[in-house]
Amino acid sequence: TWKASLHVCDGRSPTTEELPSCYTGDDWS
């Protein structure tokens, strides 16, 4: 997973609306 990646841009991380997850569990295995 890339959960440790903060994807910080202009001093903040994206919201869940801006960057939704592709999976609902702990990972996408």
mmCIF file of all heavy atoms, coordinates in Angstrom:
data_MODEL
# 
_entry.id   MODEL 
# 
loop_
_atom_site.group_PDB 
_atom_site.id 
_atom_site.type_symbol 
_atom_site.label_atom_id 
_atom_site.label_alt_id 
_atom_site.label_comp_id 
_atom_site.label_asym_id 
_atom_site.label_entity_id 
_atom_site.label_seq_id 
_atom_site.pdbx_PDB_ins_code 
_atom_site.Cartn_x 
_atom_site.Cartn_y 
_atom_site.Cartn_z 
_atom_site.occupancy 
_atom_site.B_iso_or_equiv 
_atom_site.pdbx_formal_charge 
_atom_site.auth_seq_id 
_atom_site.auth_comp_id 
_atom_site.auth_asym_id 
_atom_site.auth_atom_id 
_atom_site.pdbx_PDB_model_num 
ATOM 1   N N   . THR A 1 1  ? 0.855   -1.192 0.000  1.00 0.00 ? 1  THR A N   1 
ATOM 2   C CA  . THR A 1 1  ? 0.000   0.000  0.000  1.00 0.00 ? 1  THR A CA  1 
ATOM 3   C C   . THR A 1 1  ? 0.888   1.238  0.000  1.00 0.00 ? 1  THR A C   1 
ATOM 4   O O   . THR A 1 1  ? 2.088   1.160  0.259  1.00 0.00 ? 1  THR A O   1 
ATOM 5   C CB  . THR A 1 1  ? -0.905  0.048  1.238  1.00 0.00 ? 1  THR A CB  1 
ATOM 6   O OG1 . THR A 1 1  ? -0.084  0.244  2.407  1.00 0.00 ? 1  THR A OG1 1 
ATOM 7   C CG2 . THR A 1 1  ? -1.703  -1.232 1.391  1.00 0.00 ? 1  THR A CG2 1 
ATOM 8   N N   . TRP A 1 2  ? 0.271   2.373  -0.283 1.00 0.00 ? 2  TRP A N   1 
ATOM 9   C CA  . TRP A 1 2  ? 1.006   3.637  -0.249 1.00 0.00 ? 2  TRP A CA  1 
ATOM 10  C C   . TRP A 1 2  ? 0.470   4.517  0.881  1.00 0.00 ? 2  TRP A C   1 
ATOM 11  O O   . TRP A 1 2  ? 0.443   5.733  0.769  1.00 0.00 ? 2  TRP A O   1 
ATOM 12  C CB  . TRP A 1 2  ? 0.872   4.362  -1.597 1.00 0.00 ? 2  TRP A CB  1 
ATOM 13  C CG  . TRP A 1 2  ? 1.139   3.472  -2.774 1.00 0.00 ? 2  TRP A CG  1 
ATOM 14  C CD1 . TRP A 1 2  ? 0.270   3.173  -3.786 1.00 0.00 ? 2  TRP A CD1 1 
ATOM 15  C CD2 . TRP A 1 2  ? 2.339   2.765  -3.074 1.00 0.00 ? 2  TRP A CD2 1 
ATOM 16  N NE1 . TRP A 1 2  ? 0.849   2.314  -4.681 1.00 0.00 ? 2  TRP A NE1 1 
ATOM 17  C CE2 . TRP A 1 2  ? 2.128   2.037  -4.270 1.00 0.00 ? 2  TRP A CE2 1 
ATOM 18  C CE3 . TRP A 1 2  ? 3.584   2.645  -2.445 1.00 0.00 ? 2  TRP A CE3 1 
ATOM 19  C CZ2 . TRP A 1 2  ? 3.085   1.224  -4.843 1.00 0.00 ? 2  TRP A CZ2 1 
ATOM 20  C CZ3 . TRP A 1 2  ? 4.551   1.820  -3.026 1.00 0.00 ? 2  TRP A CZ3 1 
ATOM 21  C CH2 . TRP A 1 2  ? 4.293   1.137  -4.202 1.00 0.00 ? 2  TRP A CH2 1 
ATOM 22  N N   . LYS A 1 3  ? 0.035   3.878  1.973  1.00 0.00 ? 3  LYS A N   1 
ATOM 23  C CA  . LYS A 1 3  ? -0.568  4.634  3.075  1.00 0.00 ? 3  LYS A CA  1 
ATOM 24  C C   . LYS A 1 3  ? 0.416   5.585  3.735  1.00 0.00 ? 3  LYS A C   1 
ATOM 25  O O   . LYS A 1 3  ? 0.014   6.603  4.302  1.00 0.00 ? 3  LYS A O   1 
ATOM 26  C CB  . LYS A 1 3  ? -1.135  3.669  4.116  1.00 0.00 ? 3  LYS A CB  1 
ATOM 27  C CG  . LYS A 1 3  ? -2.358  2.894  3.617  1.00 0.00 ? 3  LYS A CG  1 
ATOM 28  C CD  . LYS A 1 3  ? -2.898  1.962  4.683  1.00 0.00 ? 3  LYS A CD  1 
ATOM 29  C CE  . LYS A 1 3  ? -4.126  1.217  4.191  1.00 0.00 ? 3  LYS A CE  1 
ATOM 30  N NZ  . LYS A 1 3  ? -4.674  0.288  5.201  1.00 0.00 ? 3  LYS A NZ  1 
ATOM 31  N N   . ALA A 1 4  ? 1.680   5.258  3.675  1.00 0.00 ? 4  ALA A N   1 
ATOM 32  C CA  . ALA A 1 4  ? 2.681   6.132  4.284  1.00 0.00 ? 4  ALA A CA  1 
ATOM 33  C C   . ALA A 1 4  ? 2.957   7.363  3.423  1.00 0.00 ? 4  ALA A C   1 
ATOM 34  O O   . ALA A 1 4  ? 3.574   8.317  3.891  1.00 0.00 ? 4  ALA A O   1 
ATOM 35  C CB  . ALA A 1 4  ? 3.976   5.362  4.513  1.00 0.00 ? 4  ALA A CB  1 
ATOM 36  N N   . SER A 1 5  ? 2.508   7.338  2.184  1.00 0.00 ? 5  SER A N   1 
ATOM 37  C CA  . SER A 1 5  ? 2.717   8.482  1.297  1.00 0.00 ? 5  SER A CA  1 
ATOM 38  C C   . SER A 1 5  ? 1.668   9.552  1.598  1.00 0.00 ? 5  SER A C   1 
ATOM 39  O O   . SER A 1 5  ? 0.463   9.303  1.459  1.00 0.00 ? 5  SER A O   1 
ATOM 40  C CB  . SER A 1 5  ? 2.600   8.038  -0.168 1.00 0.00 ? 5  SER A CB  1 
ATOM 41  O OG  . SER A 1 5  ? 3.553   7.034  -0.456 1.00 0.00 ? 5  SER A OG  1 
ATOM 42  N N   . LEU A 1 6  ? 2.116   10.713 2.004  1.00 0.00 ? 6  LEU A N   1 
ATOM 43  C CA  . LEU A 1 6  ? 1.203   11.776 2.408  1.00 0.00 ? 6  LEU A CA  1 
ATOM 44  C C   . LEU A 1 6  ? 0.647   12.561 1.221  1.00 0.00 ? 6  LEU A C   1 
ATOM 45  O O   . LEU A 1 6  ? -0.359  13.244 1.355  1.00 0.00 ? 6  LEU A O   1 
ATOM 46  C CB  . LEU A 1 6  ? 1.917   12.730 3.365  1.00 0.00 ? 6  LEU A CB  1 
ATOM 47  C CG  . LEU A 1 6  ? 2.461   12.100 4.652  1.00 0.00 ? 6  LEU A CG  1 
ATOM 48  C CD1 . LEU A 1 6  ? 3.189   13.151 5.492  1.00 0.00 ? 6  LEU A CD1 1 
ATOM 49  C CD2 . LEU A 1 6  ? 1.344   11.456 5.459  1.00 0.00 ? 6  LEU A CD2 1 
ATOM 50  N N   . HIS A 1 7  ? 1.336   12.484 0.086  1.00 0.00 ? 7  HIS A N   1 
ATOM 51  C CA  . HIS A 1 7  ? 0.918   13.215 -1.114 1.00 0.00 ? 7  HIS A CA  1 
ATOM 52  C C   . HIS A 1 7  ? 0.718   14.706 -0.827 1.00 0.00 ? 7  HIS A C   1 
ATOM 53  O O   . HIS A 1 7  ? -0.242  15.333 -1.303 1.00 0.00 ? 7  HIS A O   1 
ATOM 54  C CB  . HIS A 1 7  ? -0.376  12.623 -1.691 1.00 0.00 ? 7  HIS A CB  1 
ATOM 55  C CG  . HIS A 1 7  ? -0.254  11.170 -2.042 1.00 0.00 ? 7  HIS A CG  1 
ATOM 56  N ND1 . HIS A 1 7  ? -0.905  10.187 -1.344 1.00 0.00 ? 7  HIS A ND1 1 
ATOM 57  C CD2 . HIS A 1 7  ? 0.446   10.544 -3.014 1.00 0.00 ? 7  HIS A CD2 1 
ATOM 58  C CE1 . HIS A 1 7  ? -0.608  9.000  -1.853 1.00 0.00 ? 7  HIS A CE1 1 
ATOM 59  N NE2 . HIS A 1 7  ? 0.209   9.193  -2.863 1.00 0.00 ? 7  HIS A NE2 1 
ATOM 60  N N   . VAL A 1 8  ? 1.611   15.254 -0.037 1.00 0.00 ? 8  VAL A N   1 
ATOM 61  C CA  . VAL A 1 8  ? 1.500   16.655 0.353  1.00 0.00 ? 8  VAL A CA  1 
ATOM 62  C C   . VAL A 1 8  ? 1.758   17.556 -0.846 1.00 0.00 ? 8  VAL A C   1 
ATOM 63  O O   . VAL A 1 8  ? 2.721   17.375 -1.594 1.00 0.00 ? 8  VAL A O   1 
ATOM 64  C CB  . VAL A 1 8  ? 2.495   16.989 1.483  1.00 0.00 ? 8  VAL A CB  1 
ATOM 65  C CG1 . VAL A 1 8  ? 2.485   18.488 1.777  1.00 0.00 ? 8  VAL A CG1 1 
ATOM 66  C CG2 . VAL A 1 8  ? 2.147   16.198 2.730  1.00 0.00 ? 8  VAL A CG2 1 
ATOM 67  N N   . CYS A 1 9  ? 0.876   18.512 -1.047 1.00 0.00 ? 9  CYS A N   1 
ATOM 68  C CA  . CYS A 1 9  ? 1.015   19.484 -2.138 1.00 0.00 ? 9  CYS A CA  1 
ATOM 69  C C   . CYS A 1 9  ? 0.523   20.832 -1.640 1.00 0.00 ? 9  CYS A C   1 
ATOM 70  O O   . CYS A 1 9  ? -0.571  20.914 -1.056 1.00 0.00 ? 9  CYS A O   1 
ATOM 71  C CB  . CYS A 1 9  ? 0.204   19.017 -3.352 1.00 0.00 ? 9  CYS A CB  1 
ATOM 72  S SG  . CYS A 1 9  ? 0.232   20.176 -4.744 1.00 0.00 ? 9  CYS A SG  1 
ATOM 73  N N   . ASP A 1 10 ? 1.324   21.863 -1.847 1.00 0.00 ? 10 ASP A N   1 
ATOM 74  C CA  . ASP A 1 10 ? 1.008   23.200 -1.318 1.00 0.00 ? 10 ASP A CA  1 
ATOM 75  C C   . ASP A 1 10 ? 0.758   23.170 0.186  1.00 0.00 ? 10 ASP A C   1 
ATOM 76  O O   . ASP A 1 10 ? -0.125  23.862 0.706  1.00 0.00 ? 10 ASP A O   1 
ATOM 77  C CB  . ASP A 1 10 ? -0.217  23.790 -2.040 1.00 0.00 ? 10 ASP A CB  1 
ATOM 78  C CG  . ASP A 1 10 ? 0.189   24.513 -3.321 1.00 0.00 ? 10 ASP A CG  1 
ATOM 79  O OD1 . ASP A 1 10 ? 1.399   24.684 -3.543 1.00 0.00 ? 10 ASP A OD1 1 
ATOM 80  O OD2 . ASP A 1 10 ? -0.704  24.897 -4.095 1.00 0.00 ? 10 ASP A OD2 1 
ATOM 81  N N   . GLY A 1 11 ? 1.505   22.350 0.877  1.00 0.00 ? 11 GLY A N   1 
ATOM 82  C CA  . GLY A 1 11 ? 1.457   22.327 2.330  1.00 0.00 ? 11 GLY A CA  1 
ATOM 83  C C   . GLY A 1 11 ? 0.369   21.481 2.949  1.00 0.00 ? 11 GLY A C   1 
ATOM 84  O O   . GLY A 1 11 ? 0.199   21.494 4.173  1.00 0.00 ? 11 GLY A O   1 
ATOM 85  N N   . ARG A 1 12 ? -0.394  20.714 2.160  1.00 0.00 ? 12 ARG A N   1 
ATOM 86  C CA  . ARG A 1 12 ? -1.440  19.878 2.758  1.00 0.00 ? 12 ARG A CA  1 
ATOM 87  C C   . ARG A 1 12 ? -1.618  18.601 1.958  1.00 0.00 ? 12 ARG A C   1 
ATOM 88  O O   . ARG A 1 12 ? -1.273  18.524 0.773  1.00 0.00 ? 12 ARG A O   1 
ATOM 89  C CB  . ARG A 1 12 ? -2.766  20.638 2.809  1.00 0.00 ? 12 ARG A CB  1 
ATOM 90  C CG  . ARG A 1 12 ? -3.402  20.890 1.446  1.00 0.00 ? 12 ARG A CG  1 
ATOM 91  C CD  . ARG A 1 12 ? -4.775  21.542 1.578  1.00 0.00 ? 12 ARG A CD  1 
ATOM 92  N NE  . ARG A 1 12 ? -5.422  21.693 0.260  1.00 0.00 ? 12 ARG A NE  1 
ATOM 93  C CZ  . ARG A 1 12 ? -6.152  20.746 -0.309 1.00 0.00 ? 12 ARG A CZ  1 
ATOM 94  N NH1 . ARG A 1 12 ? -6.326  19.571 0.296  1.00 0.00 ? 12 ARG A NH1 1 
ATOM 95  N NH2 . ARG A 1 12 ? -6.715  20.952 -1.498 1.00 0.00 ? 12 ARG A NH2 1 
ATOM 96  N N   . SER A 1 13 ? -2.187  17.596 2.630  1.00 0.00 ? 13 SER A N   1 
ATOM 97  C CA  . SER A 1 13 ? -2.511  16.340 1.964  1.00 0.00 ? 13 SER A CA  1 
ATOM 98  C C   . SER A 1 13 ? -3.886  16.442 1.322  1.00 0.00 ? 13 SER A C   1 
ATOM 99  O O   . SER A 1 13 ? -4.730  17.230 1.773  1.00 0.00 ? 13 SER A O   1 
ATOM 100 C CB  . SER A 1 13 ? -2.497  15.184 2.978  1.00 0.00 ? 13 SER A CB  1 
ATOM 101 O OG  . SER A 1 13 ? -1.210  15.017 3.524  1.00 0.00 ? 13 SER A OG  1 
ATOM 102 N N   . PRO A 1 14 ? -4.160  15.674 0.284  1.00 0.00 ? 14 PRO A N   1 
ATOM 103 C CA  . PRO A 1 14 ? -5.477  15.740 -0.354 1.00 0.00 ? 14 PRO A CA  1 
ATOM 104 C C   . PRO A 1 14 ? -6.575  15.177 0.546  1.00 0.00 ? 14 PRO A C   1 
ATOM 105 O O   . PRO A 1 14 ? -6.331  14.299 1.381  1.00 0.00 ? 14 PRO A O   1 
ATOM 106 C CB  . PRO A 1 14 ? -5.299  14.885 -1.618 1.00 0.00 ? 14 PRO A CB  1 
ATOM 107 C CG  . PRO A 1 14 ? -4.185  13.952 -1.270 1.00 0.00 ? 14 PRO A CG  1 
ATOM 108 C CD  . PRO A 1 14 ? -3.267  14.720 -0.383 1.00 0.00 ? 14 PRO A CD  1 
ATOM 109 N N   . THR A 1 15 ? -7.774  15.679 0.371  1.00 0.00 ? 15 THR A N   1 
ATOM 110 C CA  . THR A 1 15 ? -8.914  15.149 1.117  1.00 0.00 ? 15 THR A CA  1 
ATOM 111 C C   . THR A 1 15 ? -9.369  13.842 0.475  1.00 0.00 ? 15 THR A C   1 
ATOM 112 O O   . THR A 1 15 ? -8.971  13.509 -0.642 1.00 0.00 ? 15 THR A O   1 
ATOM 113 C CB  . THR A 1 15 ? -10.076 16.159 1.092  1.00 0.00 ? 15 THR A CB  1 
ATOM 114 O OG1 . THR A 1 15 ? -10.523 16.321 -0.264 1.00 0.00 ? 15 THR A OG1 1 
ATOM 115 C CG2 . THR A 1 15 ? -9.636  17.511 1.642  1.00 0.00 ? 15 THR A CG2 1 
ATOM 116 N N   . THR A 1 16 ? -10.224 13.110 1.193  1.00 0.00 ? 16 THR A N   1 
ATOM 117 C CA  . THR A 1 16 ? -10.740 11.858 0.631  1.00 0.00 ? 16 THR A CA  1 
ATOM 118 C C   . THR A 1 16 ? -11.626 12.116 -0.580 1.00 0.00 ? 16 THR A C   1 
ATOM 119 O O   . THR A 1 16 ? -11.765 11.250 -1.445 1.00 0.00 ? 16 THR A O   1 
ATOM 120 C CB  . THR A 1 16 ? -11.547 11.097 1.701  1.00 0.00 ? 16 THR A CB  1 
ATOM 121 O OG1 . THR A 1 16 ? -12.566 11.962 2.237  1.00 0.00 ? 16 THR A OG1 1 
ATOM 122 C CG2 . THR A 1 16 ? -10.634 10.620 2.822  1.00 0.00 ? 16 THR A CG2 1 
ATOM 123 N N   . GLU A 1 17 ? -12.213 13.295 -0.661 1.00 0.00 ? 17 GLU A N   1 
ATOM 124 C CA  . GLU A 1 17 ? -13.002 13.644 -1.844 1.00 0.00 ? 17 GLU A CA  1 
ATOM 125 C C   . GLU A 1 17 ? -12.100 13.898 -3.043 1.00 0.00 ? 17 GLU A C   1 
ATOM 126 O O   . GLU A 1 17 ? -12.442 13.556 -4.175 1.00 0.00 ? 17 GLU A O   1 
ATOM 127 C CB  . GLU A 1 17 ? -13.863 14.888 -1.578 1.00 0.00 ? 17 GLU A CB  1 
ATOM 128 C CG  . GLU A 1 17 ? -15.022 14.664 -0.619 1.00 0.00 ? 17 GLU A CG  1 
ATOM 129 C CD  . GLU A 1 17 ? -14.570 14.592 0.831  1.00 0.00 ? 17 GLU A CD  1 
ATOM 130 O OE1 . GLU A 1 17 ? -13.445 15.088 1.126  1.00 0.00 ? 17 GLU A OE1 1 
ATOM 131 O OE2 . GLU A 1 17 ? -15.319 14.046 1.671  1.00 0.00 ? 17 GLU A OE2 1 
ATOM 132 N N   . GLU A 1 18 ? -10.945 14.511 -2.797 1.00 0.00 ? 18 GLU A N   1 
ATOM 133 C CA  . GLU A 1 18 ? -10.007 14.787 -3.880 1.00 0.00 ? 18 GLU A CA  1 
ATOM 134 C C   . GLU A 1 18 ? -9.285  13.525 -4.334 1.00 0.00 ? 18 GLU A C   1 
ATOM 135 O O   . GLU A 1 18 ? -8.963  13.377 -5.514 1.00 0.00 ? 18 GLU A O   1 
ATOM 136 C CB  . GLU A 1 18 ? -8.985  15.835 -3.435 1.00 0.00 ? 18 GLU A CB  1 
ATOM 137 C CG  . GLU A 1 18 ? -9.570  17.216 -3.226 1.00 0.00 ? 18 GLU A CG  1 
ATOM 138 C CD  . GLU A 1 18 ? -8.549  18.177 -2.645 1.00 0.00 ? 18 GLU A CD  1 
ATOM 139 O OE1 . GLU A 1 18 ? -7.617  17.717 -1.934 1.00 0.00 ? 18 GLU A OE1 1 
ATOM 140 O OE2 . GLU A 1 18 ? -8.675  19.391 -2.883 1.00 0.00 ? 18 GLU A OE2 1 
ATOM 141 N N   . LEU A 1 19 ? -9.011  12.639 -3.402 1.00 0.00 ? 19 LEU A N   1 
ATOM 142 C CA  . LEU A 1 19 ? -8.286  11.416 -3.731 1.00 0.00 ? 19 LEU A CA  1 
ATOM 143 C C   . LEU A 1 19 ? -8.933  10.222 -3.039 1.00 0.00 ? 19 LEU A C   1 
ATOM 144 O O   . LEU A 1 19 ? -8.458  9.748  -2.003 1.00 0.00 ? 19 LEU A O   1 
ATOM 145 C CB  . LEU A 1 19 ? -6.813  11.549 -3.301 1.00 0.00 ? 19 LEU A CB  1 
ATOM 146 C CG  . LEU A 1 19 ? -5.868  10.436 -3.771 1.00 0.00 ? 19 LEU A CG  1 
ATOM 147 C CD1 . LEU A 1 19 ? -5.838  10.359 -5.285 1.00 0.00 ? 19 LEU A CD1 1 
ATOM 148 C CD2 . LEU A 1 19 ? -4.459  10.685 -3.229 1.00 0.00 ? 19 LEU A CD2 1 
ATOM 149 N N   . PRO A 1 20 ? -10.020 9.697  -3.586 1.00 0.00 ? 20 PRO A N   1 
ATOM 150 C CA  . PRO A 1 20 ? -10.680 8.531  -2.991 1.00 0.00 ? 20 PRO A CA  1 
ATOM 151 C C   . PRO A 1 20 ? -9.797  7.296  -3.087 1.00 0.00 ? 20 PRO A C   1 
ATOM 152 O O   . PRO A 1 20 ? -8.903  7.205  -3.926 1.00 0.00 ? 20 PRO A O   1 
ATOM 153 C CB  . PRO A 1 20 ? -11.952 8.372  -3.844 1.00 0.00 ? 20 PRO A CB  1 
ATOM 154 C CG  . PRO A 1 20 ? -12.106 9.666  -4.569 1.00 0.00 ? 20 PRO A CG  1 
ATOM 155 C CD  . PRO A 1 20 ? -10.732 10.201 -4.759 1.00 0.00 ? 20 PRO A CD  1 
ATOM 156 N N   . SER A 1 21 ? -10.056 6.332  -2.217 1.00 0.00 ? 21 SER A N   1 
ATOM 157 C CA  . SER A 1 21 ? -9.296  5.081  -2.212 1.00 0.00 ? 21 SER A CA  1 
ATOM 158 C C   . SER A 1 21 ? -9.903  4.098  -3.204 1.00 0.00 ? 21 SER A C   1 
ATOM 159 O O   . SER A 1 21 ? -11.108 4.099  -3.451 1.00 0.00 ? 21 SER A O   1 
ATOM 160 C CB  . SER A 1 21 ? -9.291  4.473  -0.810 1.00 0.00 ? 21 SER A CB  1 
ATOM 161 O OG  . SER A 1 21 ? -8.617  3.230  -0.816 1.00 0.00 ? 21 SER A OG  1 
ATOM 162 N N   . CYS A 1 22 ? -9.056  3.255  -3.752 1.00 0.00 ? 22 CYS A N   1 
ATOM 163 C CA  . CYS A 1 22 ? -9.524  2.231  -4.691 1.00 0.00 ? 22 CYS A CA  1 
ATOM 164 C C   . CYS A 1 22 ? -10.027 0.983  -3.969 1.00 0.00 ? 22 CYS A C   1 
ATOM 165 O O   . CYS A 1 22 ? -10.588 0.092  -4.604 1.00 0.00 ? 22 CYS A O   1 
ATOM 166 C CB  . CYS A 1 22 ? -8.392  1.848  -5.649 1.00 0.00 ? 22 CYS A CB  1 
ATOM 167 S SG  . CYS A 1 22 ? -8.041  3.087  -6.916 1.00 0.00 ? 22 CYS A SG  1 
ATOM 168 N N   . TYR A 1 23 ? -9.820  0.895  -2.656 1.00 0.00 ? 23 TYR A N   1 
ATOM 169 C CA  . TYR A 1 23 ? -10.235 -0.295 -1.914 1.00 0.00 ? 23 TYR A CA  1 
ATOM 170 C C   . TYR A 1 23 ? -10.734 0.123  -0.536 1.00 0.00 ? 23 TYR A C   1 
ATOM 171 O O   . TYR A 1 23 ? -10.456 1.228  -0.064 1.00 0.00 ? 23 TYR A O   1 
ATOM 172 C CB  . TYR A 1 23 ? -9.083  -1.298 -1.793 1.00 0.00 ? 23 TYR A CB  1 
ATOM 173 C CG  . TYR A 1 23 ? -7.825  -0.734 -1.171 1.00 0.00 ? 23 TYR A CG  1 
ATOM 174 C CD1 . TYR A 1 23 ? -7.603  -0.818 0.206  1.00 0.00 ? 23 TYR A CD1 1 
ATOM 175 C CD2 . TYR A 1 23 ? -6.856  -0.105 -1.957 1.00 0.00 ? 23 TYR A CD2 1 
ATOM 176 C CE1 . TYR A 1 23 ? -6.467  -0.280 0.782  1.00 0.00 ? 23 TYR A CE1 1 
ATOM 177 C CE2 . TYR A 1 23 ? -5.713  0.428  -1.387 1.00 0.00 ? 23 TYR A CE2 1 
ATOM 178 C CZ  . TYR A 1 23 ? -5.519  0.338  -0.031 1.00 0.00 ? 23 TYR A CZ  1 
ATOM 179 O OH  . TYR A 1 23 ? -4.390  0.869  0.544  1.00 0.00 ? 23 TYR A OH  1 
ATOM 180 N N   . THR A 1 24 ? -11.461 -0.766 0.103  1.00 0.00 ? 24 THR A N   1 
ATOM 181 C CA  . THR A 1 24 ? -12.082 -0.452 1.400  1.00 0.00 ? 24 THR A CA  1 
ATOM 182 C C   . THR A 1 24 ? -11.393 -1.142 2.568  1.00 0.00 ? 24 THR A C   1 
ATOM 183 O O   . THR A 1 24 ? -11.512 -0.695 3.699  1.00 0.00 ? 24 THR A O   1 
ATOM 184 C CB  . THR A 1 24 ? -13.561 -0.865 1.384  1.00 0.00 ? 24 THR A CB  1 
ATOM 185 O OG1 . THR A 1 24 ? -13.658 -2.256 1.036  1.00 0.00 ? 24 THR A OG1 1 
ATOM 186 C CG2 . THR A 1 24 ? -14.335 -0.030 0.361  1.00 0.00 ? 24 THR A CG2 1 
ATOM 187 N N   . GLY A 1 25 ? -10.694 -2.224 2.329  1.00 0.00 ? 25 GLY A N   1 
ATOM 188 C CA  . GLY A 1 25 ? -10.041 -2.956 3.418  1.00 0.00 ? 25 GLY A CA  1 
ATOM 189 C C   . GLY A 1 25 ? -8.702  -2.361 3.789  1.00 0.00 ? 25 GLY A C   1 
ATOM 190 O O   . GLY A 1 25 ? -8.401  -1.193 3.512  1.00 0.00 ? 25 GLY A O   1 
ATOM 191 N N   . ASP A 1 26 ? -7.869  -3.204 4.435  1.00 0.00 ? 26 ASP A N   1 
ATOM 192 C CA  . ASP A 1 26 ? -6.538  -2.762 4.833  1.00 0.00 ? 26 ASP A CA  1 
ATOM 193 C C   . ASP A 1 26 ? -5.614  -2.583 3.638  1.00 0.00 ? 26 ASP A C   1 
ATOM 194 O O   . ASP A 1 26 ? -4.700  -1.758 3.667  1.00 0.00 ? 26 ASP A O   1 
ATOM 195 C CB  . ASP A 1 26 ? -5.918  -3.767 5.819  1.00 0.00 ? 26 ASP A CB  1 
ATOM 196 C CG  . ASP A 1 26 ? -6.667  -3.794 7.141  1.00 0.00 ? 26 ASP A CG  1 
ATOM 197 O OD1 . ASP A 1 26 ? -7.282  -2.756 7.487  1.00 0.00 ? 26 ASP A OD1 1 
ATOM 198 O OD2 . ASP A 1 26 ? -6.667  -4.854 7.805  1.00 0.00 ? 26 ASP A OD2 1 
ATOM 199 N N   . ASP A 1 27 ? -5.804  -3.375 2.618  1.00 0.00 ? 27 ASP A N   1 
ATOM 200 C CA  . ASP A 1 27 ? -4.990  -3.256 1.418  1.00 0.00 ? 27 ASP A CA  1 
ATOM 201 C C   . ASP A 1 27 ? -5.796  -3.768 0.226  1.00 0.00 ? 27 ASP A C   1 
ATOM 202 O O   . ASP A 1 27 ? -6.968  -4.118 0.355  1.00 0.00 ? 27 ASP A O   1 
ATOM 203 C CB  . ASP A 1 27 ? -3.656  -4.007 1.566  1.00 0.00 ? 27 ASP A CB  1 
ATOM 204 C CG  . ASP A 1 27 ? -3.859  -5.481 1.915  1.00 0.00 ? 27 ASP A CG  1 
ATOM 205 O OD1 . ASP A 1 27 ? -4.736  -6.125 1.294  1.00 0.00 ? 27 ASP A OD1 1 
ATOM 206 O OD2 . ASP A 1 27 ? -3.151  -5.993 2.801  1.00 0.00 ? 27 ASP A OD2 1 
ATOM 207 N N   . TRP A 1 28 ? -5.138  -3.813 -0.907 1.00 0.00 ? 28 TRP A N   1 
ATOM 208 C CA  . TRP A 1 28 ? -5.800  -4.211 -2.149 1.00 0.00 ? 28 TRP A CA  1 
ATOM 209 C C   . TRP A 1 28 ? -5.238  -5.539 -2.645 1.00 0.00 ? 28 TRP A C   1 
ATOM 210 O O   . TRP A 1 28 ? -5.199  -5.789 -3.846 1.00 0.00 ? 28 TRP A O   1 
ATOM 211 C CB  . TRP A 1 28 ? -5.608  -3.113 -3.189 1.00 0.00 ? 28 TRP A CB  1 
ATOM 212 C CG  . TRP A 1 28 ? -6.685  -3.044 -4.236 1.00 0.00 ? 28 TRP A CG  1 
ATOM 213 C CD1 . TRP A 1 28 ? -7.854  -3.729 -4.268 1.00 0.00 ? 28 TRP A CD1 1 
ATOM 214 C CD2 . TRP A 1 28 ? -6.665  -2.220 -5.400 1.00 0.00 ? 28 TRP A CD2 1 
ATOM 215 N NE1 . TRP A 1 28 ? -8.580  -3.389 -5.372 1.00 0.00 ? 28 TRP A NE1 1 
ATOM 216 C CE2 . TRP A 1 28 ? -7.869  -2.451 -6.093 1.00 0.00 ? 28 TRP A CE2 1 
ATOM 217 C CE3 . TRP A 1 28 ? -5.760  -1.296 -5.934 1.00 0.00 ? 28 TRP A CE3 1 
ATOM 218 C CZ2 . TRP A 1 28 ? -8.182  -1.810 -7.286 1.00 0.00 ? 28 TRP A CZ2 1 
ATOM 219 C CZ3 . TRP A 1 28 ? -6.072  -0.656 -7.110 1.00 0.00 ? 28 TRP A CZ3 1 
ATOM 220 C CH2 . TRP A 1 28 ? -7.275  -0.899 -7.781 1.00 0.00 ? 28 TRP A CH2 1 
ATOM 221 N N   . SER A 1 29 ? -4.764  -6.347 -1.735 1.00 0.00 ? 29 SER A N   1 
ATOM 222 C CA  . SER A 1 29 ? -4.123  -7.608 -2.113 1.00 0.00 ? 29 SER A CA  1 
ATOM 223 C C   . SER A 1 29 ? -5.110  -8.516 -2.832 1.00 0.00 ? 29 SER A C   1 
ATOM 224 O O   . SER A 1 29 ? -6.297  -8.567 -2.510 1.00 0.00 ? 29 SER A O   1 
ATOM 225 C CB  . SER A 1 29 ? -3.569  -8.317 -0.876 1.00 0.00 ? 29 SER A CB  1 
ATOM 226 O OG  . SER A 1 29 ? -4.603  -8.589 0.049  1.00 0.00 ? 29 SER A OG  1 
# 
